[in-house]
Amino acid sequence: MSFLEIVQITKRFDRQTVLSDVSAQIEKGELVCVLGPSGCGKTTLLRIIAGLETATQGQIIIDEQDCTLLPARKRNFGIVFQSYALFPNMTVLENVAFGLKQKKQLSREEREERTVDILRLVDLLEHKDKYPRQLSGGQQQRTALARAIVLEPLYLLLDEPLSALDAKVRVKLRGEISALQKSLGITTVMVTHDQEEALTMADRIIVMNNAVVEQIGRPREIYDNPATPFVANFIGTMNFYDHQGNLFAIRPEKVELVGRTESYDMVARVKALEFKGALTRIYSTLMDKTEICVDIPSEVFDGEKLHEDALVFLRMPQEHLREYPLEKAV
């Protein structure tokens, strides 16, 4: 039995369906990312799991208990919002300790000890007397996280927790959140539109689009074997081309650049070159104007002496090709 079961959840606002027959199973201790573009329904799903929104149809089962109609205050979860929602007139210590005041079974000393332990865990103890305005974005995010986990919730919900931070801080905090989640063993559902966050942090990913689930799987599985053209296009970069009534897809790093005298599948003309550090991306077009990207190691590229408008000969290894019905094209 899964720890958290989402069973055929549908949500309608007036005539608009924002979730349509969504089902998923989340195991105890997993970090699952709900990934998709803006407006796909992922935040509504998170709010239904939290009890902040009521489903039109379906069930939410938590630890074998049907919680579909259970109010949020009785669900025992921690939540971190995109805006962090810290109390501006309280210090870090006071923000984190706030929820513990409701735990009447704990003595004052026990509440203080737990608060200090959590602040130490998220590396904020030396900032405990600062106010939110005195903290960096990353420190505010860790304060919100500490406030959520100090109550020892059954599960943790994260709503775009890193989107307000700059790129370098986001990368650092990805690792910190993942390490913290694993050390606590707390079941976590995280909503994000950032594929890189999902690929680097999640045990499994739920990919959503237009109110439905497109695919559920481990990051490598979803990257290597996308179930639909949408998933293929949304996760990483994917080349698509039409051949004999079918849609084929292949990752840029899987396309092989070969010599004119070798066996090849396509001839393309170089449109642009983009240096990306360890890799160089070659943008090319086929005779029918279909665009094909090729990623090759930059040291290999240096030896090729390619330039814009040059002809390139491409091999598409069968083992790396994905085939989709043409009517399901992106």
Protein backbone atom coordinates (compact mmCIF):
# COMPACT_ATOMS: atom_id res chain seq x y z
CA MET A 1 0.00 0.00 0.00
CA SER A 2 1.39 3.40 -1.01
CA PHE A 3 1.72 6.12 1.59
CA LEU A 4 -0.14 8.73 -0.48
CA GLU A 5 -2.65 7.72 -3.14
CA ILE A 6 -4.19 10.15 -5.61
CA VAL A 7 -7.20 8.33 -7.03
CA GLN A 8 -8.92 9.62 -10.19
CA ILE A 9 -8.92 13.25 -9.06
CA THR A 10 -10.97 15.64 -11.19
CA LYS A 11 -11.37 19.34 -10.43
CA ARG A 12 -13.63 21.76 -12.24
CA PHE A 13 -14.02 25.50 -11.76
CA ASP A 14 -17.35 26.42 -13.38
CA ARG A 15 -16.97 24.95 -16.89
CA GLN A 16 -13.18 24.72 -16.85
CA THR A 17 -11.58 21.37 -16.01
CA VAL A 18 -8.20 21.96 -14.34
CA LEU A 19 -7.60 18.32 -13.36
CA SER A 20 -8.97 15.36 -15.29
CA ASP A 21 -8.89 11.84 -13.82
CA VAL A 22 -5.44 12.25 -12.22
CA SER A 23 -4.07 9.20 -10.41
CA ALA A 24 -0.67 8.54 -8.81
CA GLN A 25 0.85 6.56 -5.97
CA ILE A 26 3.61 7.98 -3.78
CA GLU A 27 5.69 5.73 -1.56
CA LYS A 28 6.76 6.56 1.98
CA GLY A 29 10.01 8.54 2.02
CA GLU A 30 9.90 9.44 -1.69
CA LEU A 31 10.54 12.89 -3.13
CA VAL A 32 8.13 13.20 -6.05
CA CYS A 33 8.11 16.22 -8.36
CA VAL A 34 4.92 17.29 -10.12
CA LEU A 35 6.32 18.88 -13.27
CA GLY A 36 4.58 20.81 -16.00
CA PRO A 37 4.03 24.18 -17.65
CA SER A 38 2.03 27.01 -16.07
CA GLY A 39 -1.68 26.31 -16.02
CA CYS A 40 -1.40 22.51 -16.30
CA GLY A 41 -3.07 21.90 -12.91
CA LYS A 42 -0.06 20.97 -10.78
CA THR A 43 -0.59 23.59 -8.03
CA THR A 44 -4.30 22.74 -7.83
CA LEU A 45 -3.32 19.10 -7.32
CA LEU A 46 -0.96 20.10 -4.50
CA ARG A 47 -3.72 22.15 -2.85
CA ILE A 48 -6.10 19.18 -3.05
CA ILE A 49 -3.48 16.94 -1.41
CA ALA A 50 -3.18 19.58 1.33
CA GLY A 51 -6.93 19.93 1.80
CA LEU A 52 -6.82 23.59 0.79
CA GLU A 53 -9.00 22.76 -2.22
CA THR A 54 -11.78 20.19 -2.61
CA ALA A 55 -11.81 17.79 -5.55
CA THR A 56 -14.91 17.58 -7.74
CA GLN A 57 -14.37 13.83 -7.98
CA GLY A 58 -11.85 11.29 -6.71
CA GLN A 59 -10.06 10.43 -3.49
CA ILE A 60 -6.95 11.37 -1.54
CA ILE A 61 -5.76 8.50 0.67
CA ILE A 62 -2.96 9.23 3.14
CA ASP A 63 -1.39 6.41 5.16
CA GLU A 64 -4.40 4.17 4.34
CA GLN A 65 -6.90 6.80 5.57
CA ASP A 66 -9.40 8.42 3.18
CA CYS A 67 -8.67 12.12 3.65
CA THR A 68 -10.70 13.41 0.71
CA LEU A 69 -13.04 15.45 2.93
CA LEU A 70 -10.62 15.94 5.83
CA PRO A 71 -9.86 19.65 6.45
CA ALA A 72 -6.27 20.86 6.04
CA ARG A 73 -5.76 21.40 9.79
CA LYS A 74 -6.26 17.67 10.43
CA ARG A 75 -3.95 16.32 7.72
CA ASN A 76 -0.61 16.76 9.53
CA PHE A 77 1.52 18.10 6.69
CA GLY A 78 4.15 20.80 6.32
CA ILE A 79 4.01 23.23 3.41
CA VAL A 80 6.42 25.74 1.89
CA PHE A 81 4.90 28.28 -0.49
CA GLN A 82 6.62 30.07 -3.35
CA SER A 83 6.51 33.34 -1.36
CA TYR A 84 7.72 31.65 1.91
CA ALA A 85 4.98 33.56 3.86
CA LEU A 86 7.25 34.40 6.80
CA PHE A 87 6.01 36.70 9.55
CA PRO A 88 7.98 39.94 8.98
CA ASN A 89 7.72 41.05 12.62
CA MET A 90 9.17 37.81 13.98
CA THR A 91 12.77 36.64 14.14
CA VAL A 92 13.92 33.41 12.49
CA LEU A 93 13.63 31.67 15.86
CA GLU A 94 10.11 32.99 16.44
CA ASN A 95 8.99 32.09 12.91
CA VAL A 96 10.16 28.52 13.27
CA ALA A 97 8.79 28.13 16.81
CA PHE A 98 5.40 29.63 15.96
CA GLY A 99 3.63 26.38 15.08
CA LEU A 100 5.01 24.57 18.11
CA LYS A 101 3.02 26.86 20.41
CA GLN A 102 -0.04 24.83 19.49
CA LYS A 103 1.63 21.64 20.75
CA LYS A 104 0.38 21.88 24.34
CA GLN A 105 1.82 18.45 25.17
CA LEU A 106 5.33 19.87 24.78
CA SER A 107 6.96 21.84 27.57
CA ARG A 108 8.55 25.20 26.83
CA GLU A 109 11.99 23.60 27.13
CA GLU A 110 11.05 20.85 24.66
CA ARG A 111 9.74 23.41 22.16
CA GLU A 112 12.92 25.47 22.43
CA GLU A 113 15.12 22.40 22.08
CA ARG A 114 13.29 21.21 18.98
CA THR A 115 13.44 24.67 17.40
CA VAL A 116 17.19 24.95 18.00
CA ASP A 117 17.76 21.43 16.63
CA ILE A 118 15.91 22.27 13.40
CA LEU A 119 17.73 25.59 12.99
CA ARG A 120 21.02 23.77 13.39
CA LEU A 121 19.89 21.18 10.82
CA VAL A 122 19.19 23.88 8.19
CA ASP A 123 22.32 25.86 9.14
CA LEU A 124 20.45 28.90 10.46
CA LEU A 125 21.28 28.83 14.16
CA GLU A 126 23.64 31.79 13.93
CA HIS A 127 20.88 33.81 12.22
CA LYS A 128 18.15 32.96 14.75
CA ASP A 129 17.72 36.55 15.97
CA LYS A 130 17.46 38.13 12.51
CA TYR A 131 14.22 39.26 10.89
CA PRO A 132 13.20 38.05 7.40
CA ARG A 133 14.19 41.38 5.80
CA GLN A 134 17.75 40.82 7.06
CA LEU A 135 18.05 37.42 5.37
CA SER A 136 19.09 36.44 1.87
CA GLY A 137 16.55 34.68 -0.36
CA GLY A 138 18.15 31.33 0.36
CA GLN A 139 18.06 31.92 4.11
CA GLN A 140 14.38 32.89 3.92
CA GLN A 141 13.68 29.69 2.00
CA ARG A 142 15.48 27.61 4.65
CA THR A 143 13.55 29.39 7.40
CA ALA A 144 10.26 28.49 5.71
CA LEU A 145 11.46 24.90 5.33
CA ALA A 146 12.49 24.74 9.00
CA ARG A 147 9.07 26.07 10.05
CA ALA A 148 7.41 23.33 7.99
CA ILE A 149 9.44 20.40 9.33
CA VAL A 150 9.74 21.44 13.00
CA LEU A 151 6.22 20.08 13.55
CA GLU A 152 7.37 16.62 12.41
CA PRO A 153 4.64 16.33 9.76
CA LEU A 154 3.64 13.09 8.04
CA TYR A 155 4.47 14.61 4.66
CA LEU A 156 5.88 17.78 3.14
CA LEU A 157 4.48 19.86 0.28
CA LEU A 158 6.68 22.30 -1.65
CA ASP A 159 5.08 24.76 -4.08
CA GLU A 160 7.74 26.11 -6.47
CA PRO A 161 10.06 26.64 -3.46
CA LEU A 162 13.10 27.78 -5.48
CA SER A 163 11.52 29.87 -8.23
CA ALA A 164 12.15 33.23 -6.51
CA LEU A 165 15.90 32.63 -6.19
CA ASP A 166 18.73 33.34 -8.60
CA ALA A 167 20.26 30.47 -10.56
CA LYS A 168 23.37 29.85 -8.43
CA VAL A 169 21.40 29.84 -5.15
CA ARG A 170 18.80 27.51 -6.70
CA VAL A 171 21.46 24.96 -7.60
CA LYS A 172 22.91 25.05 -4.06
CA LEU A 173 19.52 24.71 -2.39
CA ARG A 174 18.46 21.84 -4.62
CA GLY A 175 21.19 19.77 -3.06
CA GLU A 176 20.40 21.00 0.46
CA ILE A 177 16.69 20.19 0.19
CA SER A 178 17.38 16.75 -1.30
CA ALA A 179 19.90 15.91 1.43
CA LEU A 180 17.56 17.15 4.17
CA GLN A 181 14.61 15.22 2.77
CA LYS A 182 16.61 12.01 2.62
CA SER A 183 18.05 12.44 6.12
CA LEU A 184 14.57 12.99 7.57
CA GLY A 185 12.97 10.31 5.37
CA ILE A 186 9.93 12.52 4.96
CA THR A 187 7.54 11.88 2.07
CA THR A 188 7.68 15.00 -0.10
CA VAL A 189 5.65 16.28 -3.05
CA MET A 190 7.20 19.22 -4.86
CA VAL A 191 5.56 21.27 -7.61
CA THR A 192 7.87 22.81 -10.20
CA HIS A 193 7.90 23.99 -13.82
CA ASP A 194 11.71 23.61 -13.92
CA GLN A 195 12.73 20.36 -15.61
CA GLU A 196 16.29 20.59 -14.25
CA GLU A 197 14.99 20.76 -10.68
CA ALA A 198 12.83 17.71 -11.26
CA LEU A 199 15.58 15.69 -12.97
CA THR A 200 18.17 16.43 -10.26
CA MET A 201 15.99 16.21 -7.14
CA ALA A 202 13.17 13.72 -7.68
CA ASP A 203 12.99 10.01 -7.02
CA ARG A 204 10.09 10.03 -9.47
CA ILE A 205 8.44 12.66 -11.65
CA ILE A 206 4.75 13.17 -12.47
CA VAL A 207 4.66 15.05 -15.78
CA MET A 208 1.42 16.99 -16.32
CA ASN A 209 -0.02 18.87 -19.27
CA ASN A 210 -3.47 20.35 -19.86
CA ALA A 211 -5.01 18.89 -16.67
CA VAL A 212 -3.84 15.30 -17.26
CA VAL A 213 -0.86 13.13 -16.33
CA GLU A 214 1.32 12.45 -19.37
CA GLN A 215 3.83 10.13 -17.68
CA ILE A 216 5.05 9.00 -14.26
CA GLY A 217 8.54 7.57 -13.86
CA ARG A 218 12.08 7.95 -12.62
CA PRO A 219 14.05 10.90 -14.05
CA ARG A 220 16.29 8.75 -16.29
CA GLU A 221 13.32 6.74 -17.54
CA ILE A 222 11.37 9.86 -18.48
CA TYR A 223 14.40 11.43 -20.19
CA ASP A 224 15.38 8.29 -22.11
CA ASN A 225 11.90 6.92 -22.84
CA PRO A 226 9.36 9.77 -22.98
CA ALA A 227 5.89 8.31 -23.39
CA THR A 228 4.46 11.15 -25.50
CA PRO A 229 5.76 13.88 -27.81
CA PHE A 230 4.86 16.45 -25.12
CA VAL A 231 7.11 14.76 -22.54
CA ALA A 232 9.88 14.36 -25.11
CA ASN A 233 9.73 18.06 -25.96
CA PHE A 234 9.25 19.35 -22.40
CA ILE A 235 12.09 17.37 -20.79
CA GLY A 236 15.40 18.44 -22.29
CA THR A 237 15.89 19.12 -26.01
CA MET A 238 14.45 16.77 -28.60
CA ASN A 239 14.64 16.60 -32.39
CA PHE A 240 11.44 15.63 -34.22
CA TYR A 241 11.09 14.66 -37.86
CA ASP A 242 8.42 13.06 -40.04
CA HIS A 243 9.32 9.89 -41.95
CA GLN A 244 6.82 7.79 -43.90
CA GLY A 245 3.81 8.91 -41.88
CA ASN A 246 5.36 8.54 -38.44
CA LEU A 247 6.93 11.02 -36.05
CA PHE A 248 10.45 10.18 -34.94
CA ALA A 249 12.35 11.79 -32.08
CA ILE A 250 16.01 11.70 -31.01
CA ARG A 251 18.08 13.61 -28.46
CA PRO A 252 20.79 15.96 -29.88
CA GLU A 253 23.55 14.07 -28.05
CA LYS A 254 22.46 10.81 -29.69
CA VAL A 255 22.72 12.10 -33.28
CA GLU A 256 26.04 11.08 -34.82
CA LEU A 257 28.07 13.36 -37.06
CA VAL A 258 29.77 11.21 -39.71
CA GLY A 259 31.92 11.70 -42.79
CA ARG A 260 30.56 12.01 -46.32
CA THR A 261 31.93 8.57 -47.27
CA GLU A 262 30.38 6.82 -44.25
CA SER A 263 26.88 5.41 -43.88
CA TYR A 264 24.48 8.23 -43.03
CA ASP A 265 20.71 8.83 -42.78
CA MET A 266 20.39 12.53 -43.49
CA VAL A 267 22.18 15.48 -45.03
CA ALA A 268 21.69 18.84 -43.36
CA ARG A 269 23.04 22.36 -43.71
CA VAL A 270 24.56 24.13 -40.70
CA LYS A 271 22.43 27.08 -39.64
CA ALA A 272 24.22 28.17 -36.44
CA LEU A 273 26.84 27.03 -33.95
CA GLU A 274 26.59 27.45 -30.19
CA PHE A 275 29.45 26.86 -27.78
CA LYS A 276 28.07 25.46 -24.49
CA GLY A 277 31.27 24.70 -22.62
CA ALA A 278 31.91 20.95 -22.67
CA LEU A 279 29.50 20.61 -25.61
CA THR A 280 28.99 22.50 -28.85
CA ARG A 281 25.50 22.52 -30.37
CA ILE A 282 25.13 22.46 -34.14
CA TYR A 283 21.81 23.83 -35.42
CA SER A 284 21.10 22.45 -38.87
CA THR A 285 18.21 22.17 -41.33
CA LEU A 286 17.19 19.34 -43.63
CA MET A 287 16.03 19.84 -47.22
CA ASP A 288 12.39 20.06 -46.04
CA LYS A 289 13.38 22.80 -43.53
CA THR A 290 13.08 20.47 -40.51
CA GLU A 291 15.53 21.64 -37.83
CA ILE A 292 17.94 19.11 -36.31
CA CYS A 293 20.24 19.89 -33.37
CA VAL A 294 23.42 17.92 -32.80
CA ASP A 295 25.46 18.07 -29.57
CA ILE A 296 29.09 16.99 -29.78
CA PRO A 297 32.00 17.34 -27.34
CA SER A 298 33.71 20.68 -27.91
CA GLU A 299 37.12 19.07 -28.40
CA VAL A 300 35.64 16.94 -31.20
CA PHE A 301 33.99 19.99 -32.71
CA ASP A 302 37.35 21.82 -32.77
CA GLY A 303 38.69 19.09 -35.03
CA GLU A 304 35.75 19.20 -37.43
CA LYS A 305 36.32 22.82 -38.55
CA LEU A 306 32.63 23.32 -39.20
CA HIS A 307 31.13 26.65 -40.16
CA GLU A 308 27.72 28.11 -40.96
CA ASP A 309 26.26 26.91 -44.28
CA ALA A 310 28.46 23.78 -44.32
CA LEU A 311 26.90 20.42 -45.16
CA VAL A 312 26.82 17.80 -42.40
CA PHE A 313 26.05 14.08 -42.65
CA LEU A 314 23.96 12.67 -39.83
CA ARG A 315 23.38 9.15 -38.58
CA MET A 316 20.29 8.40 -36.43
CA PRO A 317 21.07 5.24 -34.40
CA GLN A 318 17.95 3.05 -34.26
CA GLU A 319 18.41 2.23 -30.58
CA HIS A 320 18.04 5.92 -29.67
CA LEU A 321 15.04 6.72 -31.86
CA ARG A 322 11.55 7.14 -30.38
CA GLU A 323 8.57 6.70 -32.68
CA TYR A 324 5.15 8.30 -32.18
CA PRO A 325 1.96 8.36 -34.27
CA LEU A 326 2.02 11.48 -36.42
CA GLU A 327 -1.41 12.59 -35.15
CA LYS A 328 0.15 13.00 -31.68
CA ALA A 329 2.76 15.48 -32.91
CA VAL A 330 3.70 18.32 -30.59
